[in-house]
């Protein structure tokens, strides 16, 4: 099994969770129970860019010092520095999966939890 095939399995699960989160967010907005998520796409973009840069730097360092090695028969041959391109799938998965889970597990706030304090 190549690293791309392994990545495809994980990325398919991540994509399913991401699409589910988008659907849930849209349904919450239509019902009026969802908060406005202005700048969500921008936040995803900035986060993805930063995580890809950090992945490039630290993966190259880890490979250069010999902490990680790859079977040459299982990689695509495309590299960013000395890190195979396949390594970046995990950064993309993290940027999509974690916020998606956050959105899915976020319960809509009631009037009491949104601002009213319990004075007992």
N, C-alpha and C. Protein backbone atom coordinates (compact mmCIF):
# COMPACT_ATOMS: atom_id res chain seq x y z
N UNK A 1 0.85 -1.17 0.00
CA UNK A 1 0.00 0.00 0.00
C UNK A 1 0.90 1.24 0.00
N UNK A 2 0.59 2.18 -0.87
CA UNK A 2 1.37 3.42 -0.93
C UNK A 2 0.88 4.39 0.16
N UNK A 3 1.70 5.39 0.40
CA UNK A 3 1.30 6.40 1.39
C UNK A 3 0.09 7.18 0.91
N UNK A 4 -0.03 7.40 -0.40
CA UNK A 4 -1.22 8.10 -0.93
C UNK A 4 -2.47 7.28 -0.70
N UNK A 5 -2.39 5.96 -0.85
CA UNK A 5 -3.57 5.11 -0.60
C UNK A 5 -3.97 5.17 0.87
N UNK A 6 -2.99 5.15 1.74
CA UNK A 6 -3.28 5.27 3.17
C UNK A 6 -3.88 6.63 3.48
N UNK A 7 -3.32 7.68 2.90
CA UNK A 7 -3.86 9.02 3.09
C UNK A 7 -5.29 9.12 2.58
N UNK A 8 -5.58 8.46 1.48
CA UNK A 8 -6.93 8.53 0.89
C UNK A 8 -7.98 8.01 1.86
N UNK A 9 -7.65 6.96 2.59
CA UNK A 9 -8.59 6.41 3.58
C UNK A 9 -8.89 7.45 4.66
N UNK A 10 -7.84 8.03 5.21
CA UNK A 10 -8.03 9.02 6.28
C UNK A 10 -8.70 10.29 5.75
N UNK A 11 -8.29 10.75 4.58
CA UNK A 11 -8.87 11.96 4.03
C UNK A 11 -10.33 11.78 3.64
N UNK A 12 -10.73 10.58 3.27
CA UNK A 12 -12.14 10.32 2.97
C UNK A 12 -12.99 10.47 4.24
N UNK A 13 -12.49 9.96 5.35
CA UNK A 13 -13.20 10.11 6.62
C UNK A 13 -13.26 11.58 7.02
N UNK A 14 -12.15 12.27 6.88
CA UNK A 14 -12.10 13.70 7.22
C UNK A 14 -13.06 14.49 6.34
N UNK A 15 -13.10 14.18 5.06
CA UNK A 15 -14.01 14.88 4.15
C UNK A 15 -15.47 14.63 4.54
N UNK A 16 -15.79 13.41 4.93
CA UNK A 16 -17.16 13.11 5.35
C UNK A 16 -17.54 13.91 6.59
N UNK A 17 -16.64 13.99 7.55
CA UNK A 17 -16.91 14.77 8.76
C UNK A 17 -17.02 16.25 8.42
N UNK A 18 -16.16 16.75 7.54
CA UNK A 18 -16.20 18.15 7.14
C UNK A 18 -17.50 18.52 6.44
N UNK A 19 -17.95 17.67 5.53
CA UNK A 19 -19.20 17.92 4.82
C UNK A 19 -20.37 17.87 5.80
N UNK A 20 -20.35 16.93 6.70
CA UNK A 20 -21.40 16.84 7.72
C UNK A 20 -21.45 18.11 8.56
N UNK A 21 -20.29 18.62 8.94
CA UNK A 21 -20.24 19.85 9.74
C UNK A 21 -20.81 21.03 8.96
N UNK A 22 -20.49 21.12 7.67
CA UNK A 22 -21.03 22.20 6.85
C UNK A 22 -22.55 22.12 6.77
N UNK A 23 -23.07 20.92 6.61
CA UNK A 23 -24.52 20.73 6.54
C UNK A 23 -25.17 21.14 7.86
N UNK A 24 -24.60 20.70 8.96
CA UNK A 24 -25.16 21.04 10.28
C UNK A 24 -25.13 22.54 10.52
N UNK A 25 -24.05 23.19 10.15
CA UNK A 25 -23.95 24.64 10.32
C UNK A 25 -25.02 25.35 9.50
N UNK A 26 -25.22 24.90 8.28
CA UNK A 26 -26.25 25.52 7.43
C UNK A 26 -27.64 25.30 8.00
N UNK A 27 -27.91 24.12 8.53
CA UNK A 27 -29.21 23.85 9.13
C UNK A 27 -29.43 24.72 10.37
N UNK A 28 -28.40 24.90 11.18
CA UNK A 28 -28.51 25.74 12.37
C UNK A 28 -28.78 27.19 11.99
N UNK A 29 -28.15 27.65 10.95
CA UNK A 29 -28.36 29.04 10.50
C UNK A 29 -29.80 29.23 10.02
N UNK A 30 -30.32 28.27 9.30
CA UNK A 30 -31.69 28.38 8.80
C UNK A 30 -32.70 28.40 9.93
N UNK A 31 -32.42 27.65 10.99
CA UNK A 31 -33.32 27.64 12.15
C UNK A 31 -33.09 28.83 13.06
N UNK A 32 -32.05 29.57 12.81
CA UNK A 32 -31.76 30.73 13.63
C UNK A 32 -31.04 30.41 14.91
N UNK A 33 -30.58 29.17 15.09
CA UNK A 33 -29.90 28.81 16.32
C UNK A 33 -28.38 28.83 16.19
N UNK A 34 -27.90 29.08 14.98
CA UNK A 34 -26.46 29.10 14.79
C UNK A 34 -25.89 30.50 14.86
N UNK A 35 -24.68 30.59 15.36
CA UNK A 35 -24.00 31.88 15.41
C UNK A 35 -23.42 32.17 14.03
N UNK A 36 -23.28 33.44 13.73
CA UNK A 36 -22.66 33.83 12.47
C UNK A 36 -21.18 33.46 12.52
N UNK A 37 -20.71 32.85 11.50
CA UNK A 37 -19.31 32.43 11.44
C UNK A 37 -18.57 33.26 10.39
N UNK A 38 -18.58 34.58 10.59
CA UNK A 38 -17.88 35.46 9.67
C UNK A 38 -16.39 35.18 9.77
N UNK A 39 -15.78 35.15 8.64
CA UNK A 39 -14.34 34.95 8.61
C UNK A 39 -13.91 33.51 8.78
N UNK A 40 -14.86 32.58 8.76
CA UNK A 40 -14.52 31.17 8.96
C UNK A 40 -13.59 30.67 7.87
N UNK A 41 -13.89 31.02 6.63
CA UNK A 41 -13.05 30.57 5.52
C UNK A 41 -11.66 31.19 5.64
N UNK A 42 -11.60 32.46 6.00
CA UNK A 42 -10.30 33.10 6.19
C UNK A 42 -9.49 32.45 7.29
N UNK A 43 -10.17 32.11 8.38
CA UNK A 43 -9.49 31.44 9.49
C UNK A 43 -8.95 30.08 9.07
N UNK A 44 -9.75 29.35 8.29
CA UNK A 44 -9.28 28.06 7.77
C UNK A 44 -8.05 28.26 6.89
N UNK A 45 -8.10 29.28 6.02
CA UNK A 45 -6.99 29.53 5.11
C UNK A 45 -5.70 29.88 5.83
N UNK A 46 -5.79 30.78 6.81
CA UNK A 46 -4.61 31.18 7.58
C UNK A 46 -4.06 30.00 8.36
N UNK A 47 -4.96 29.25 8.98
CA UNK A 47 -4.53 28.08 9.76
C UNK A 47 -3.85 27.05 8.87
N UNK A 48 -4.45 26.80 7.71
CA UNK A 48 -3.86 25.83 6.77
C UNK A 48 -2.48 26.29 6.32
N UNK A 49 -2.35 27.56 5.96
CA UNK A 49 -1.06 28.07 5.50
C UNK A 49 0.01 27.93 6.59
N UNK A 50 -0.32 28.33 7.80
CA UNK A 50 0.64 28.23 8.91
C UNK A 50 1.02 26.78 9.20
N UNK A 51 0.03 25.91 9.21
CA UNK A 51 0.31 24.51 9.52
C UNK A 51 1.13 23.84 8.41
N UNK A 52 0.89 24.20 7.16
CA UNK A 52 1.68 23.64 6.07
C UNK A 52 3.13 24.12 6.13
N UNK A 53 3.33 25.39 6.47
CA UNK A 53 4.70 25.91 6.61
C UNK A 53 5.41 25.21 7.76
N UNK A 54 4.73 25.09 8.90
CA UNK A 54 5.34 24.41 10.05
C UNK A 54 5.61 22.95 9.75
N UNK A 55 4.70 22.30 9.04
CA UNK A 55 4.91 20.90 8.65
C UNK A 55 6.13 20.79 7.75
N UNK A 56 6.26 21.70 6.79
CA UNK A 56 7.41 21.66 5.88
C UNK A 56 8.71 21.81 6.65
N UNK A 57 8.75 22.75 7.56
CA UNK A 57 9.98 22.99 8.32
C UNK A 57 10.33 21.79 9.19
N UNK A 58 9.38 21.38 10.02
CA UNK A 58 9.70 20.33 11.00
C UNK A 58 9.83 18.94 10.38
N UNK A 59 9.07 18.65 9.33
CA UNK A 59 9.24 17.36 8.65
C UNK A 59 10.62 17.28 8.01
N UNK A 60 11.06 18.36 7.40
CA UNK A 60 12.39 18.36 6.79
C UNK A 60 13.48 18.17 7.84
N UNK A 61 13.31 18.81 8.99
CA UNK A 61 14.29 18.65 10.07
C UNK A 61 14.29 17.21 10.57
N UNK A 62 13.11 16.65 10.80
CA UNK A 62 13.04 15.27 11.31
C UNK A 62 13.62 14.27 10.33
N UNK A 63 13.39 14.47 9.05
CA UNK A 63 13.95 13.57 8.05
C UNK A 63 15.46 13.74 7.94
N UNK A 64 15.90 15.01 7.99
CA UNK A 64 17.34 15.29 7.87
C UNK A 64 18.15 14.68 9.00
N UNK A 65 17.60 14.67 10.23
CA UNK A 65 18.35 14.11 11.35
C UNK A 65 18.14 12.60 11.51
N UNK A 66 17.30 12.03 10.67
CA UNK A 66 17.12 10.58 10.68
C UNK A 66 16.05 10.04 11.60
N UNK A 67 15.17 10.90 12.12
CA UNK A 67 14.09 10.42 12.98
C UNK A 67 13.03 9.65 12.19
N UNK A 68 12.86 10.02 10.93
CA UNK A 68 11.81 9.43 10.10
C UNK A 68 12.43 9.01 8.78
N UNK A 69 12.00 7.88 8.28
CA UNK A 69 12.44 7.42 6.97
C UNK A 69 11.26 6.89 6.18
N UNK A 70 11.38 6.88 4.88
CA UNK A 70 10.28 6.44 4.02
C UNK A 70 10.77 5.39 3.05
N UNK A 71 9.91 4.42 2.78
CA UNK A 71 10.19 3.41 1.77
C UNK A 71 10.05 4.07 0.41
N UNK A 72 11.11 4.10 -0.37
CA UNK A 72 11.11 4.79 -1.66
C UNK A 72 10.09 4.20 -2.63
N UNK A 73 9.73 2.95 -2.46
CA UNK A 73 8.75 2.32 -3.36
C UNK A 73 7.32 2.75 -3.04
N UNK A 74 7.11 3.35 -1.89
CA UNK A 74 5.75 3.69 -1.47
C UNK A 74 5.44 5.20 -1.52
N UNK A 75 6.41 6.02 -1.88
CA UNK A 75 6.16 7.45 -1.98
C UNK A 75 6.03 7.85 -3.45
N UNK A 76 5.43 9.01 -3.66
CA UNK A 76 5.15 9.46 -5.03
C UNK A 76 6.39 9.99 -5.74
N UNK A 77 7.36 10.45 -5.01
CA UNK A 77 8.54 11.04 -5.61
C UNK A 77 8.49 12.55 -5.66
N UNK A 78 7.36 13.13 -5.27
CA UNK A 78 7.23 14.59 -5.19
C UNK A 78 7.64 15.02 -3.78
N UNK A 79 8.47 16.05 -3.71
CA UNK A 79 9.01 16.45 -2.42
C UNK A 79 8.87 17.95 -2.20
N UNK A 80 8.79 18.34 -0.95
CA UNK A 80 8.95 19.73 -0.52
C UNK A 80 10.20 19.70 0.34
N UNK A 81 11.30 20.16 -0.22
CA UNK A 81 12.59 19.95 0.42
C UNK A 81 12.93 18.48 0.32
N UNK A 82 13.10 17.84 1.47
CA UNK A 82 13.33 16.39 1.46
C UNK A 82 12.13 15.63 2.03
N UNK A 83 11.06 16.35 2.33
CA UNK A 83 9.84 15.72 2.86
C UNK A 83 8.94 15.32 1.70
N UNK A 84 8.47 14.07 1.69
CA UNK A 84 7.56 13.68 0.62
C UNK A 84 6.23 14.42 0.74
N UNK A 85 5.63 14.69 -0.39
CA UNK A 85 4.38 15.44 -0.44
C UNK A 85 3.28 14.77 0.38
N UNK A 86 3.34 13.46 0.50
CA UNK A 86 2.34 12.72 1.25
C UNK A 86 2.24 13.16 2.71
N UNK A 87 3.34 13.67 3.26
CA UNK A 87 3.35 14.11 4.66
C UNK A 87 2.36 15.23 4.93
N UNK A 88 2.05 16.00 3.94
CA UNK A 88 1.21 17.18 4.14
C UNK A 88 -0.27 16.85 4.23
N UNK A 89 -0.65 15.63 3.91
CA UNK A 89 -2.06 15.23 4.01
C UNK A 89 -2.54 15.28 5.46
N UNK A 90 -1.67 14.99 6.39
CA UNK A 90 -2.07 14.99 7.79
C UNK A 90 -2.32 16.41 8.30
N UNK A 91 -1.55 17.37 7.81
CA UNK A 91 -1.79 18.77 8.19
C UNK A 91 -3.13 19.23 7.64
N UNK A 92 -3.42 18.87 6.42
CA UNK A 92 -4.71 19.23 5.82
C UNK A 92 -5.85 18.57 6.59
N UNK A 93 -5.67 17.31 6.94
CA UNK A 93 -6.70 16.60 7.70
C UNK A 93 -6.95 17.26 9.04
N UNK A 94 -5.90 17.71 9.71
CA UNK A 94 -6.07 18.35 11.02
C UNK A 94 -6.83 19.66 10.89
N UNK A 95 -6.52 20.44 9.85
CA UNK A 95 -7.18 21.73 9.67
C UNK A 95 -8.66 21.57 9.37
N UNK A 96 -9.03 20.49 8.72
CA UNK A 96 -10.45 20.25 8.41
C UNK A 96 -11.15 19.53 9.56
N UNK A 97 -10.52 18.50 10.10
CA UNK A 97 -11.19 17.65 11.08
C UNK A 97 -11.45 18.33 12.42
N UNK A 98 -10.47 18.98 12.98
CA UNK A 98 -10.65 19.55 14.32
C UNK A 98 -11.73 20.63 14.37
N UNK A 99 -11.73 21.62 13.46
CA UNK A 99 -12.83 22.59 13.50
C UNK A 99 -14.18 21.97 13.16
N UNK A 100 -14.18 20.96 12.30
CA UNK A 100 -15.44 20.29 11.96
C UNK A 100 -16.03 19.60 13.18
N UNK A 101 -15.18 18.92 13.93
CA UNK A 101 -15.66 18.29 15.16
C UNK A 101 -16.12 19.33 16.17
N UNK A 102 -15.42 20.44 16.25
CA UNK A 102 -15.81 21.53 17.15
C UNK A 102 -17.21 22.02 16.80
N UNK A 103 -17.45 22.22 15.50
CA UNK A 103 -18.77 22.69 15.06
C UNK A 103 -19.85 21.64 15.30
N UNK A 104 -19.52 20.38 15.10
CA UNK A 104 -20.51 19.32 15.29
C UNK A 104 -20.84 19.10 16.76
N UNK A 105 -19.87 19.28 17.63
CA UNK A 105 -20.09 19.03 19.05
C UNK A 105 -20.57 20.27 19.80
N UNK A 106 -20.59 21.41 19.14
CA UNK A 106 -21.06 22.65 19.76
C UNK A 106 -22.58 22.62 19.84
N UNK A 107 -23.09 22.75 21.06
CA UNK A 107 -24.54 22.79 21.24
C UNK A 107 -25.01 24.23 21.15
N UNK A 108 -26.14 24.45 20.48
CA UNK A 108 -26.67 25.82 20.44
C UNK A 108 -26.94 26.33 21.85
N UNK A 109 -26.63 27.59 22.10
CA UNK A 109 -26.80 28.18 23.42
C UNK A 109 -28.24 28.56 23.66
N UNK A 110 -28.66 28.37 24.87
CA UNK A 110 -29.98 28.84 25.28
C UNK A 110 -29.82 30.25 25.81
N UNK A 111 -30.92 30.93 26.07
CA UNK A 111 -30.86 32.30 26.60
C UNK A 111 -30.12 32.33 27.93
N UNK A 112 -30.31 31.31 28.75
CA UNK A 112 -29.66 31.28 30.06
C UNK A 112 -28.15 31.13 29.93
N UNK A 113 -27.70 30.23 29.07
CA UNK A 113 -26.26 30.01 28.96
C UNK A 113 -25.58 31.09 28.13
N UNK A 114 -26.35 31.82 27.34
CA UNK A 114 -25.75 32.84 26.47
C UNK A 114 -25.45 34.14 27.20
N UNK A 115 -26.07 34.41 28.33
CA UNK A 115 -25.78 35.67 28.97
C UNK A 115 -26.38 35.85 30.35
N UNK A 116 -27.40 35.12 30.66
CA UNK A 116 -28.01 35.26 31.98
C UNK A 116 -27.19 34.51 33.01
N UNK A 117 -26.97 35.13 34.11
CA UNK A 117 -26.22 34.48 35.18
C UNK A 117 -27.18 33.90 36.19
N UNK A 118 -26.76 32.79 36.76
CA UNK A 118 -27.52 32.17 37.83
C UNK A 118 -27.15 32.87 39.14
N UNK A 119 -28.12 33.47 39.80
CA UNK A 119 -27.83 34.26 41.01
C UNK A 119 -28.01 33.48 42.29
N UNK A 120 -28.16 32.17 42.20
CA UNK A 120 -28.34 31.36 43.41
C UNK A 120 -27.09 31.25 44.21
